[in-house]
Protein backbone atom coordinates (compact mmCIF):
# COMPACT_ATOMS: atom_id res chain seq x y z
CA UNK A 1 0.00 0.00 0.00
CA UNK A 2 1.44 3.30 -1.00
CA UNK A 3 0.44 6.87 -0.40
CA UNK A 4 -1.30 6.99 -3.76
CA UNK A 5 -3.80 4.32 -2.65
CA UNK A 6 -6.96 5.54 -0.92
CA UNK A 7 -6.61 4.78 2.77
CA UNK A 8 -10.23 3.84 3.23
CA UNK A 9 -13.27 3.49 1.01
CA UNK A 10 -16.49 3.03 2.98
CA UNK A 11 -14.60 1.08 5.67
CA UNK A 12 -13.59 -1.60 3.18
CA UNK A 13 -10.11 -3.10 3.24
CA UNK A 14 -9.01 -5.00 0.17
CA UNK A 15 -6.88 -8.13 0.52
CA UNK A 16 -4.35 -8.23 -2.29
CA UNK A 17 -2.57 -11.41 -3.32
CA UNK A 18 -3.94 -13.27 -0.27
CA UNK A 19 -1.80 -11.04 1.98
CA UNK A 20 -3.95 -11.04 5.12
CA UNK A 21 -1.24 -9.53 7.36
CA UNK A 22 -0.98 -6.41 5.22
CA UNK A 23 -4.77 -6.03 5.14
CA UNK A 24 -4.94 -6.37 8.93
CA UNK A 25 -2.25 -3.72 9.27
CA UNK A 26 -4.21 -1.36 7.02
CA UNK A 27 -7.38 -2.01 9.02
CA UNK A 28 -5.56 -1.36 12.30
CA UNK A 29 -4.15 1.91 10.95
CA UNK A 30 -7.61 3.04 9.82
CA UNK A 31 -9.17 2.16 13.16
CA UNK A 32 -6.35 3.87 15.05
CA UNK A 33 -6.70 7.03 12.99
CA UNK A 34 -10.43 7.14 13.68
CA UNK A 35 -9.86 6.76 17.42
CA UNK A 36 -11.67 3.45 17.87
CA UNK A 37 -8.92 1.92 19.99
CA UNK A 38 -8.88 4.87 22.39
CA UNK A 39 -12.65 4.73 22.70
CA UNK A 40 -12.49 1.00 23.41
CA UNK A 41 -9.81 1.49 26.07
CA UNK A 42 -11.83 4.27 27.69
CA UNK A 43 -15.05 2.24 27.88
CA UNK A 44 -13.34 -0.96 28.99
CA UNK A 45 -13.33 0.15 32.64
CA UNK A 46 -15.41 2.65 34.55
CA UNK A 47 -14.02 6.14 34.47
CA UNK A 48 -14.82 8.30 37.47
CA UNK A 49 -16.41 11.67 36.72
CA UNK A 50 -13.37 13.56 38.02
CA UNK A 51 -11.13 11.50 35.71
CA UNK A 52 -13.47 12.22 32.81
CA UNK A 53 -13.30 15.96 33.52
CA UNK A 54 -9.50 15.84 33.73
CA UNK A 55 -9.26 13.90 30.46
CA UNK A 56 -11.67 16.18 28.61
CA UNK A 57 -9.90 19.31 29.89
CA UNK A 58 -6.53 17.85 28.88
CA UNK A 59 -7.85 17.05 25.39
CA UNK A 60 -9.18 20.60 25.04
CA UNK A 61 -5.87 22.10 26.14
CA UNK A 62 -3.98 19.79 23.79
CA UNK A 63 -6.23 20.76 20.86
CA UNK A 64 -5.73 24.48 21.59
CA UNK A 65 -1.95 23.99 21.86
CA UNK A 66 -1.78 22.00 18.62
CA UNK A 67 -3.89 24.57 16.78
CA UNK A 68 -1.66 27.39 18.03
CA UNK A 69 1.52 25.54 17.06
CA UNK A 70 0.11 24.74 13.60
CA UNK A 71 -0.71 28.43 13.13
CA UNK A 72 2.81 29.44 14.19
CA UNK A 73 4.41 26.85 11.91
CA UNK A 74 2.30 28.00 8.96
CA UNK A 75 3.33 31.59 9.72
CA UNK A 76 7.03 30.65 9.72
CA UNK A 77 6.73 28.43 6.62
CA UNK A 78 4.98 31.01 4.43
CA UNK A 79 6.79 31.69 1.19
CA UNK A 80 6.22 35.38 0.54
CA UNK A 81 8.71 36.70 3.12
CA UNK A 82 11.35 39.34 2.46
CA UNK A 83 13.87 37.46 4.58
CA UNK A 84 13.43 33.70 4.00
CA UNK A 85 15.41 32.66 7.11
CA UNK A 86 14.71 35.22 9.85
CA UNK A 87 17.48 35.58 12.41
CA UNK A 88 20.05 33.63 10.37
CA UNK A 89 21.86 36.43 8.56
PDB file of N, CA and C in Angstrom:
ATOM      1  N   UNK A   1       0.830  -1.178   0.000  1.00  0.00           N
ATOM      2  CA  UNK A   1       0.000   0.000   0.000  1.00  0.00           C
ATOM      3  C   UNK A   1       0.875   1.242   0.000  1.00  0.00           C
ATOM      4  N   UNK A   2       0.682   2.073  -0.934  1.00  0.00           N
ATOM      5  CA  UNK A   2       1.443   3.302  -1.001  1.00  0.00           C
ATOM      6  C   UNK A   2       0.582   4.495  -0.637  1.00  0.00           C
ATOM      7  N   UNK A   3       1.176   5.665  -0.710  1.00  0.00           N
ATOM      8  CA  UNK A   3       0.438   6.868  -0.397  1.00  0.00           C
ATOM      9  C   UNK A   3      -0.582   7.198  -1.480  1.00  0.00           C
ATOM     10  N   UNK A   4      -0.382   6.678  -2.682  1.00  0.00           N
ATOM     11  CA  UNK A   4      -1.303   6.986  -3.759  1.00  0.00           C
ATOM     12  C   UNK A   4      -2.593   6.181  -3.654  1.00  0.00           C
ATOM     13  N   UNK A   5      -2.609   5.143  -2.816  1.00  0.00           N
ATOM     14  CA  UNK A   5      -3.801   4.323  -2.648  1.00  0.00           C
ATOM     15  C   UNK A   5      -4.714   4.970  -1.614  1.00  0.00           C
ATOM     16  N   UNK A   6      -6.007   4.968  -1.879  1.00  0.00           N
ATOM     17  CA  UNK A   6      -6.956   5.536  -0.923  1.00  0.00           C
ATOM     18  C   UNK A   6      -6.898   4.753   0.379  1.00  0.00           C
ATOM     19  N   UNK A   7      -6.793   5.464   1.491  1.00  0.00           N
ATOM     20  CA  UNK A   7      -6.613   4.775   2.768  1.00  0.00           C
ATOM     21  C   UNK A   7      -7.871   4.033   3.173  1.00  0.00           C
ATOM     22  N   UNK A   8      -9.044   4.587   2.871  1.00  0.00           N
ATOM     23  CA  UNK A   8     -10.233   3.838   3.234  1.00  0.00           C
ATOM     24  C   UNK A   8     -11.388   4.255   2.349  1.00  0.00           C
ATOM     25  N   UNK A   9     -12.117   3.257   1.858  1.00  0.00           N
ATOM     26  CA  UNK A   9     -13.274   3.490   1.008  1.00  0.00           C
ATOM     27  C   UNK A   9     -14.446   2.790   1.686  1.00  0.00           C
ATOM     28  N   UNK A  10     -15.301   3.555   2.322  1.00  0.00           N
ATOM     29  CA  UNK A  10     -16.494   3.032   2.983  1.00  0.00           C
ATOM     30  C   UNK A  10     -16.150   1.897   3.941  1.00  0.00           C
ATOM     31  N   UNK A  11     -15.050   2.061   4.678  1.00  0.00           N
ATOM     32  CA  UNK A  11     -14.599   1.083   5.666  1.00  0.00           C
ATOM     33  C   UNK A  11     -14.377  -0.303   5.061  1.00  0.00           C
ATOM     34  N   UNK A  12     -13.898  -0.341   3.853  1.00  0.00           N
ATOM     35  CA  UNK A  12     -13.592  -1.598   3.183  1.00  0.00           C
ATOM     36  C   UNK A  12     -12.093  -1.714   3.017  1.00  0.00           C
ATOM     37  N   UNK A  13     -11.538  -2.856   3.411  1.00  0.00           N
ATOM     38  CA  UNK A  13     -10.112  -3.103   3.244  1.00  0.00           C
ATOM     39  C   UNK A  13      -9.964  -4.245   2.249  1.00  0.00           C
ATOM     40  N   UNK A  14      -9.219  -3.994   1.201  1.00  0.00           N
ATOM     41  CA  UNK A  14      -9.011  -4.998   0.172  1.00  0.00           C
ATOM     42  C   UNK A  14      -7.812  -5.867   0.524  1.00  0.00           C
ATOM     43  N   UNK A  15      -7.969  -7.176   0.308  1.00  0.00           N
ATOM     44  CA  UNK A  15      -6.881  -8.130   0.518  1.00  0.00           C
ATOM     45  C   UNK A  15      -6.282  -8.404  -0.855  1.00  0.00           C
ATOM     46  N   UNK A  16      -5.013  -8.048  -1.002  1.00  0.00           N
ATOM     47  CA  UNK A  16      -4.346  -8.234  -2.290  1.00  0.00           C
ATOM     48  C   UNK A  16      -3.402  -9.420  -2.221  1.00  0.00           C
ATOM     49  N   UNK A  17      -3.462 -10.253  -3.198  1.00  0.00           N
ATOM     50  CA  UNK A  17      -2.573 -11.415  -3.325  1.00  0.00           C
ATOM     51  C   UNK A  17      -2.595 -12.291  -2.068  1.00  0.00           C
ATOM     52  N   UNK A  18      -3.769 -12.449  -1.477  1.00  0.00           N
ATOM     53  CA  UNK A  18      -3.943 -13.268  -0.268  1.00  0.00           C
ATOM     54  C   UNK A  18      -3.019 -12.838   0.866  1.00  0.00           C
ATOM     55  N   UNK A  19      -2.680 -11.558   0.928  1.00  0.00           N
ATOM     56  CA  UNK A  19      -1.803 -11.039   1.982  1.00  0.00           C
ATOM     57  C   UNK A  19      -2.673 -10.489   3.106  1.00  0.00           C
ATOM     58  N   UNK A  20      -3.049 -11.392   4.022  1.00  0.00           N
ATOM     59  CA  UNK A  20      -3.953 -11.039   5.118  1.00  0.00           C
ATOM     60  C   UNK A  20      -3.251 -10.117   6.115  1.00  0.00           C
ATOM     61  N   UNK A  21      -1.949 -10.338   6.374  1.00  0.00           N
ATOM     62  CA  UNK A  21      -1.237  -9.529   7.362  1.00  0.00           C
ATOM     63  C   UNK A  21      -1.229  -8.058   6.962  1.00  0.00           C
ATOM     64  N   UNK A  22      -0.995  -7.796   5.687  1.00  0.00           N
ATOM     65  CA  UNK A  22      -0.980  -6.410   5.216  1.00  0.00           C
ATOM     66  C   UNK A  22      -2.364  -5.782   5.350  1.00  0.00           C
ATOM     67  N   UNK A  23      -3.406  -6.548   5.024  1.00  0.00           N
ATOM     68  CA  UNK A  23      -4.772  -6.033   5.138  1.00  0.00           C
ATOM     69  C   UNK A  23      -5.120  -5.746   6.595  1.00  0.00           C
ATOM     70  N   UNK A  24      -4.688  -6.611   7.506  1.00  0.00           N
ATOM     71  CA  UNK A  24      -4.940  -6.369   8.932  1.00  0.00           C
ATOM     72  C   UNK A  24      -4.204  -5.122   9.398  1.00  0.00           C
ATOM     73  N   UNK A  25      -2.989  -4.924   8.915  1.00  0.00           N
ATOM     74  CA  UNK A  25      -2.247  -3.718   9.270  1.00  0.00           C
ATOM     75  C   UNK A  25      -2.949  -2.461   8.783  1.00  0.00           C
ATOM     76  N   UNK A  26      -3.480  -2.510   7.564  1.00  0.00           N
ATOM     77  CA  UNK A  26      -4.209  -1.358   7.021  1.00  0.00           C
ATOM     78  C   UNK A  26      -5.456  -1.096   7.858  1.00  0.00           C
ATOM     79  N   UNK A  27      -6.171  -2.163   8.210  1.00  0.00           N
ATOM     80  CA  UNK A  27      -7.375  -2.012   9.016  1.00  0.00           C
ATOM     81  C   UNK A  27      -7.044  -1.422  10.388  1.00  0.00           C
ATOM     82  N   UNK A  28      -5.964  -1.892  11.007  1.00  0.00           N
ATOM     83  CA  UNK A  28      -5.558  -1.360  12.304  1.00  0.00           C
ATOM     84  C   UNK A  28      -5.183   0.115  12.206  1.00  0.00           C
ATOM     85  N   UNK A  29      -4.510   0.504  11.126  1.00  0.00           N
ATOM     86  CA  UNK A  29      -4.153   1.910  10.946  1.00  0.00           C
ATOM     87  C   UNK A  29      -5.402   2.775  10.805  1.00  0.00           C
ATOM     88  N   UNK A  30      -6.368   2.294  10.027  1.00  0.00           N
ATOM     89  CA  UNK A  30      -7.611   3.043   9.824  1.00  0.00           C
ATOM     90  C   UNK A  30      -8.346   3.206  11.148  1.00  0.00           C
ATOM     91  N   UNK A  31      -8.454   2.105  11.888  1.00  0.00           N
ATOM     92  CA  UNK A  31      -9.173   2.159  13.165  1.00  0.00           C
ATOM     93  C   UNK A  31      -8.445   3.039  14.171  1.00  0.00           C
ATOM     94  N   UNK A  32      -7.112   3.012  14.156  1.00  0.00           N
ATOM     95  CA  UNK A  32      -6.351   3.870  15.050  1.00  0.00           C
ATOM     96  C   UNK A  32      -6.511   5.331  14.717  1.00  0.00           C
ATOM     97  N   UNK A  33      -6.527   5.647  13.414  1.00  0.00           N
ATOM     98  CA  UNK A  33      -6.697   7.034  12.990  1.00  0.00           C
ATOM     99  C   UNK A  33      -8.070   7.571  13.372  1.00  0.00           C
ATOM    100  N   UNK A  34      -9.077   6.699  13.345  1.00  0.00           N
ATOM    101  CA  UNK A  34     -10.428   7.142  13.680  1.00  0.00           C
ATOM    102  C   UNK A  34     -10.676   7.164  15.173  1.00  0.00           C
ATOM    103  N   UNK A  35      -9.731   6.685  15.970  1.00  0.00           N
ATOM    104  CA  UNK A  35      -9.860   6.759  17.419  1.00  0.00           C
ATOM    105  C   UNK A  35     -10.680   5.648  18.040  1.00  0.00           C
ATOM    106  N   UNK A  36     -10.865   4.541  17.323  1.00  0.00           N
ATOM    107  CA  UNK A  36     -11.672   3.452  17.873  1.00  0.00           C
ATOM    108  C   UNK A  36     -10.970   2.741  19.017  1.00  0.00           C
ATOM    109  N   UNK A  37      -9.648   2.604  18.935  1.00  0.00           N
ATOM    110  CA  UNK A  37      -8.921   1.916  19.994  1.00  0.00           C
ATOM    111  C   UNK A  37      -8.962   2.711  21.289  1.00  0.00           C
ATOM    112  N   UNK A  38      -8.814   4.041  21.195  1.00  0.00           N
ATOM    113  CA  UNK A  38      -8.878   4.871  22.391  1.00  0.00           C
ATOM    114  C   UNK A  38     -10.254   4.801  23.024  1.00  0.00           C
ATOM    115  N   UNK A  39     -11.284   4.816  22.178  1.00  0.00           N
ATOM    116  CA  UNK A  39     -12.646   4.728  22.696  1.00  0.00           C
ATOM    117  C   UNK A  39     -12.869   3.379  23.380  1.00  0.00           C
ATOM    118  N   UNK A  40     -12.353   2.318  22.800  1.00  0.00           N
ATOM    119  CA  UNK A  40     -12.488   0.997  23.406  1.00  0.00           C
ATOM    120  C   UNK A  40     -11.767   0.941  24.745  1.00  0.00           C
ATOM    121  N   UNK A  41     -10.562   1.497  24.809  1.00  0.00           N
ATOM    122  CA  UNK A  41      -9.806   1.485  26.066  1.00  0.00           C
ATOM    123  C   UNK A  41     -10.504   2.315  27.137  1.00  0.00           C
ATOM    124  N   UNK A  42     -11.131   3.428  26.714  1.00  0.00           N
ATOM    125  CA  UNK A  42     -11.835   4.269  27.688  1.00  0.00           C
ATOM    126  C   UNK A  42     -13.063   3.575  28.253  1.00  0.00           C
ATOM    127  N   UNK A  43     -13.802   2.865  27.429  1.00  0.00           N
ATOM    128  CA  UNK A  43     -15.050   2.245  27.881  1.00  0.00           C
ATOM    129  C   UNK A  43     -14.834   0.850  28.452  1.00  0.00           C
ATOM    130  N   UNK A  44     -13.620   0.375  28.466  1.00  0.00           N
ATOM    131  CA  UNK A  44     -13.341  -0.958  28.993  1.00  0.00           C
ATOM    132  C   UNK A  44     -13.564  -1.009  30.502  1.00  0.00           C
ATOM    133  N   UNK A  45     -13.154   0.051  31.196  1.00  0.00           N
ATOM    134  CA  UNK A  45     -13.327   0.152  32.643  1.00  0.00           C
ATOM    135  C   UNK A  45     -14.106   1.426  32.948  1.00  0.00           C
ATOM    136  N   UNK A  46     -14.671   1.459  34.125  1.00  0.00           N
ATOM    137  CA  UNK A  46     -15.410   2.647  34.546  1.00  0.00           C
ATOM    138  C   UNK A  46     -14.436   3.795  34.778  1.00  0.00           C
ATOM    139  N   UNK A  47     -14.824   4.947  34.280  1.00  0.00           N
ATOM    140  CA  UNK A  47     -14.017   6.144  34.471  1.00  0.00           C
ATOM    141  C   UNK A  47     -14.776   7.081  35.400  1.00  0.00           C
ATOM    142  N   UNK A  48     -14.155   7.428  36.510  1.00  0.00           N
ATOM    143  CA  UNK A  48     -14.817   8.298  37.474  1.00  0.00           C
ATOM    144  C   UNK A  48     -15.075   9.661  36.846  1.00  0.00           C
ATOM    145  N   UNK A  49     -16.106  10.355  37.304  1.00  0.00           N
ATOM    146  CA  UNK A  49     -16.407  11.670  36.722  1.00  0.00           C
ATOM    147  C   UNK A  49     -15.256  12.663  36.816  1.00  0.00           C
ATOM    148  N   UNK A  50     -14.491  12.620  37.917  1.00  0.00           N
ATOM    149  CA  UNK A  50     -13.368  13.562  38.019  1.00  0.00           C
ATOM    150  C   UNK A  50     -12.290  13.205  36.994  1.00  0.00           C
ATOM    151  N   UNK A  51     -12.094  11.917  36.739  1.00  0.00           N
ATOM    152  CA  UNK A  51     -11.129  11.503  35.713  1.00  0.00           C
ATOM    153  C   UNK A  51     -11.609  11.915  34.329  1.00  0.00           C
ATOM    154  N   UNK A  52     -12.916  11.812  34.098  1.00  0.00           N
ATOM    155  CA  UNK A  52     -13.470  12.222  32.810  1.00  0.00           C
ATOM    156  C   UNK A  52     -13.250  13.712  32.588  1.00  0.00           C
ATOM    157  N   UNK A  53     -13.513  14.516  33.637  1.00  0.00           N
ATOM    158  CA  UNK A  53     -13.300  15.964  33.517  1.00  0.00           C
ATOM    159  C   UNK A  53     -11.843  16.280  33.246  1.00  0.00           C
ATOM    160  N   UNK A  54     -10.928  15.606  33.950  1.00  0.00           N
ATOM    161  CA  UNK A  54      -9.501  15.840  33.731  1.00  0.00           C
ATOM    162  C   UNK A  54      -9.106  15.486  32.302  1.00  0.00           C
ATOM    163  N   UNK A  55      -9.597  14.340  31.815  1.00  0.00           N
ATOM    164  CA  UNK A  55      -9.256  13.898  30.461  1.00  0.00           C
ATOM    165  C   UNK A  55      -9.794  14.870  29.418  1.00  0.00           C
ATOM    166  N   UNK A  56     -11.052  15.265  29.578  1.00  0.00           N
ATOM    167  CA  UNK A  56     -11.669  16.183  28.610  1.00  0.00           C
ATOM    168  C   UNK A  56     -10.945  17.525  28.616  1.00  0.00           C
ATOM    169  N   UNK A  57     -10.623  18.044  29.820  1.00  0.00           N
ATOM    170  CA  UNK A  57      -9.897  19.313  29.891  1.00  0.00           C
ATOM    171  C   UNK A  57      -8.511  19.198  29.268  1.00  0.00           C
ATOM    172  N   UNK A  58      -7.842  18.065  29.491  1.00  0.00           N
ATOM    173  CA  UNK A  58      -6.529  17.854  28.882  1.00  0.00           C
ATOM    174  C   UNK A  58      -6.645  17.814  27.359  1.00  0.00           C
ATOM    175  N   UNK A  59      -7.669  17.123  26.842  1.00  0.00           N
ATOM    176  CA  UNK A  59      -7.846  17.049  25.391  1.00  0.00           C
ATOM    177  C   UNK A  59      -8.132  18.425  24.801  1.00  0.00           C
ATOM    178  N   UNK A  60      -8.912  19.239  25.519  1.00  0.00           N
ATOM    179  CA  UNK A  60      -9.184  20.599  25.036  1.00  0.00           C
ATOM    180  C   UNK A  60      -7.905  21.431  24.999  1.00  0.00           C
ATOM    181  N   UNK A  61      -7.120  21.349  26.086  1.00  0.00           N
ATOM    182  CA  UNK A  61      -5.866  22.101  26.138  1.00  0.00           C
ATOM    183  C   UNK A  61      -4.906  21.640  25.048  1.00  0.00           C
ATOM    184  N   UNK A  62      -4.853  20.341  24.818  1.00  0.00           N
ATOM    185  CA  UNK A  62      -3.977  19.793  23.787  1.00  0.00           C
ATOM    186  C   UNK A  62      -4.410  20.267  22.404  1.00  0.00           C
ATOM    187  N   UNK A  63      -5.727  20.296  22.155  1.00  0.00           N
ATOM    188  CA  UNK A  63      -6.226  20.762  20.862  1.00  0.00           C
ATOM    189  C   UNK A  63      -5.900  22.239  20.655  1.00  0.00           C
ATOM    190  N   UNK A  64      -6.049  23.055  21.697  1.00  0.00           N
ATOM    191  CA  UNK A  64      -5.726  24.482  21.589  1.00  0.00           C
ATOM    192  C   UNK A  64      -4.235  24.664  21.327  1.00  0.00           C
ATOM    193  N   UNK A  65      -3.407  23.903  22.048  1.00  0.00           N
ATOM    194  CA  UNK A  65      -1.955  23.989  21.863  1.00  0.00           C
ATOM    195  C   UNK A  65      -1.570  23.590  20.439  1.00  0.00           C
ATOM    196  N   UNK A  66      -2.121  22.469  19.965  1.00  0.00           N
ATOM    197  CA  UNK A  66      -1.783  21.999  18.620  1.00  0.00           C
ATOM    198  C   UNK A  66      -2.231  22.991  17.555  1.00  0.00           C
ATOM    199  N   UNK A  67      -3.409  23.582  17.740  1.00  0.00           N
ATOM    200  CA  UNK A  67      -3.887  24.567  16.778  1.00  0.00           C
ATOM    201  C   UNK A  67      -2.978  25.787  16.758  1.00  0.00           C
ATOM    202  N   UNK A  68      -2.546  26.235  17.941  1.00  0.00           N
ATOM    203  CA  UNK A  68      -1.658  27.389  18.031  1.00  0.00           C
ATOM    204  C   UNK A  68      -0.308  27.091  17.381  1.00  0.00           C
ATOM    205  N   UNK A  69       0.235  25.897  17.649  1.00  0.00           N
ATOM    206  CA  UNK A  69       1.518  25.536  17.059  1.00  0.00           C
ATOM    207  C   UNK A  69       1.408  25.413  15.541  1.00  0.00           C
ATOM    208  N   UNK A  70       0.309  24.829  15.047  1.00  0.00           N
ATOM    209  CA  UNK A  70       0.115  24.744  13.597  1.00  0.00           C
ATOM    210  C   UNK A  70       0.070  26.131  12.967  1.00  0.00           C
ATOM    211  N   UNK A  71      -0.629  27.054  13.642  1.00  0.00           N
ATOM    212  CA  UNK A  71      -0.707  28.426  13.125  1.00  0.00           C
ATOM    213  C   UNK A  71       0.665  29.072  13.089  1.00  0.00           C
ATOM    214  N   UNK A  72       1.460  28.863  14.155  1.00  0.00           N
ATOM    215  CA  UNK A  72       2.808  29.439  14.194  1.00  0.00           C
ATOM    216  C   UNK A  72       3.703  28.821  13.126  1.00  0.00           C
ATOM    217  N   UNK A  73       3.598  27.524  12.930  1.00  0.00           N
ATOM    218  CA  UNK A  73       4.415  26.846  11.912  1.00  0.00           C
ATOM    219  C   UNK A  73       4.037  27.336  10.524  1.00  0.00           C
ATOM    220  N   UNK A  74       2.728  27.494  10.262  1.00  0.00           N
ATOM    221  CA  UNK A  74       2.305  28.002   8.964  1.00  0.00           C
ATOM    222  C   UNK A  74       2.801  29.433   8.762  1.00  0.00           C
ATOM    223  N   UNK A  75       2.835  30.221   9.826  1.00  0.00           N
ATOM    224  CA  UNK A  75       3.333  31.587   9.722  1.00  0.00           C
ATOM    225  C   UNK A  75       4.812  31.599   9.366  1.00  0.00           C
ATOM    226  N   UNK A  76       5.591  30.722   9.993  1.00  0.00           N
ATOM    227  CA  UNK A  76       7.028  30.653   9.716  1.00  0.00           C
ATOM    228  C   UNK A  76       7.289  30.093   8.317  1.00  0.00           C
ATOM    229  N   UNK A  77       6.479  29.127   7.880  1.00  0.00           N
ATOM    230  CA  UNK A  77       6.728  28.434   6.617  1.00  0.00           C
ATOM    231  C   UNK A  77       6.171  29.174   5.400  1.00  0.00           C
ATOM    232  N   UNK A  78       5.541  30.321   5.593  1.00  0.00           N
ATOM    233  CA  UNK A  78       4.983  31.009   4.430  1.00  0.00           C
ATOM    234  C   UNK A  78       6.100  31.415   3.471  1.00  0.00           C
ATOM    235  N   UNK A  79       5.761  31.540   2.211  1.00  0.00           N
ATOM    236  CA  UNK A  79       6.794  31.688   1.189  1.00  0.00           C
ATOM    237  C   UNK A  79       6.991  33.118   0.717  1.00  0.00           C
ATOM    238  N   UNK A  80       6.120  34.020   1.061  1.00  0.00           N
ATOM    239  CA  UNK A  80       6.222  35.385   0.542  1.00  0.00           C
ATOM    240  C   UNK A  80       6.879  36.318   1.558  1.00  0.00           C
ATOM    241  N   UNK A  81       7.998  35.880   2.146  1.00  0.00           N
ATOM    242  CA  UNK A  81       8.715  36.700   3.122  1.00  0.00           C
ATOM    243  C   UNK A  81       9.852  37.436   2.435  1.00  0.00           C
ATOM    244  N   UNK A  82      10.200  38.609   3.000  1.00  0.00           N
ATOM    245  CA  UNK A  82      11.346  39.339   2.463  1.00  0.00           C
ATOM    246  C   UNK A  82      12.627  38.596   2.842  1.00  0.00           C
ATOM    247  N   UNK A  83      12.701  38.173   4.096  1.00  0.00           N
ATOM    248  CA  UNK A  83      13.875  37.461   4.577  1.00  0.00           C
ATOM    249  C   UNK A  83      13.485  35.993   4.791  1.00  0.00           C
ATOM    250  N   UNK A  84      13.932  35.086   3.930  1.00  0.00           N
ATOM    251  CA  UNK A  84      13.435  33.701   4.004  1.00  0.00           C
ATOM    252  C   UNK A  84      13.829  32.972   5.284  1.00  0.00           C
ATOM    253  N   UNK A  85      14.966  33.315   5.877  1.00  0.00           N
ATOM    254  CA  UNK A  85      15.408  32.657   7.115  1.00  0.00           C
ATOM    255  C   UNK A  85      15.620  33.742   8.163  1.00  0.00           C
ATOM    256  N   UNK A  86      14.561  34.132   8.896  1.00  0.00           N
ATOM    257  CA  UNK A  86      14.707  35.222   9.854  1.00  0.00           C
ATOM    258  C   UNK A  86      15.666  34.856  10.992  1.00  0.00           C
ATOM    259  N   UNK A  87      16.540  35.790  11.316  1.00  0.00           N
ATOM    260  CA  UNK A  87      17.478  35.583  12.412  1.00  0.00           C
ATOM    261  C   UNK A  87      18.724  34.810  12.038  1.00  0.00           C
ATOM    262  N   UNK A  88      18.876  34.431  10.789  1.00  0.00           N
ATOM    263  CA  UNK A  88      20.053  33.635  10.373  1.00  0.00           C
ATOM    264  C   UNK A  88      20.897  34.389   9.360  1.00  0.00           C
ATOM    265  N   UNK A  89      21.075  35.686   9.551  1.00  0.00           N
ATOM    266  CA  UNK A  89      21.861  36.431   8.556  1.00  0.00           C
ATOM    267  C   UNK A  89      23.238  36.739   9.042  1.00  0.00           C
TER     268      UNK A  89
END
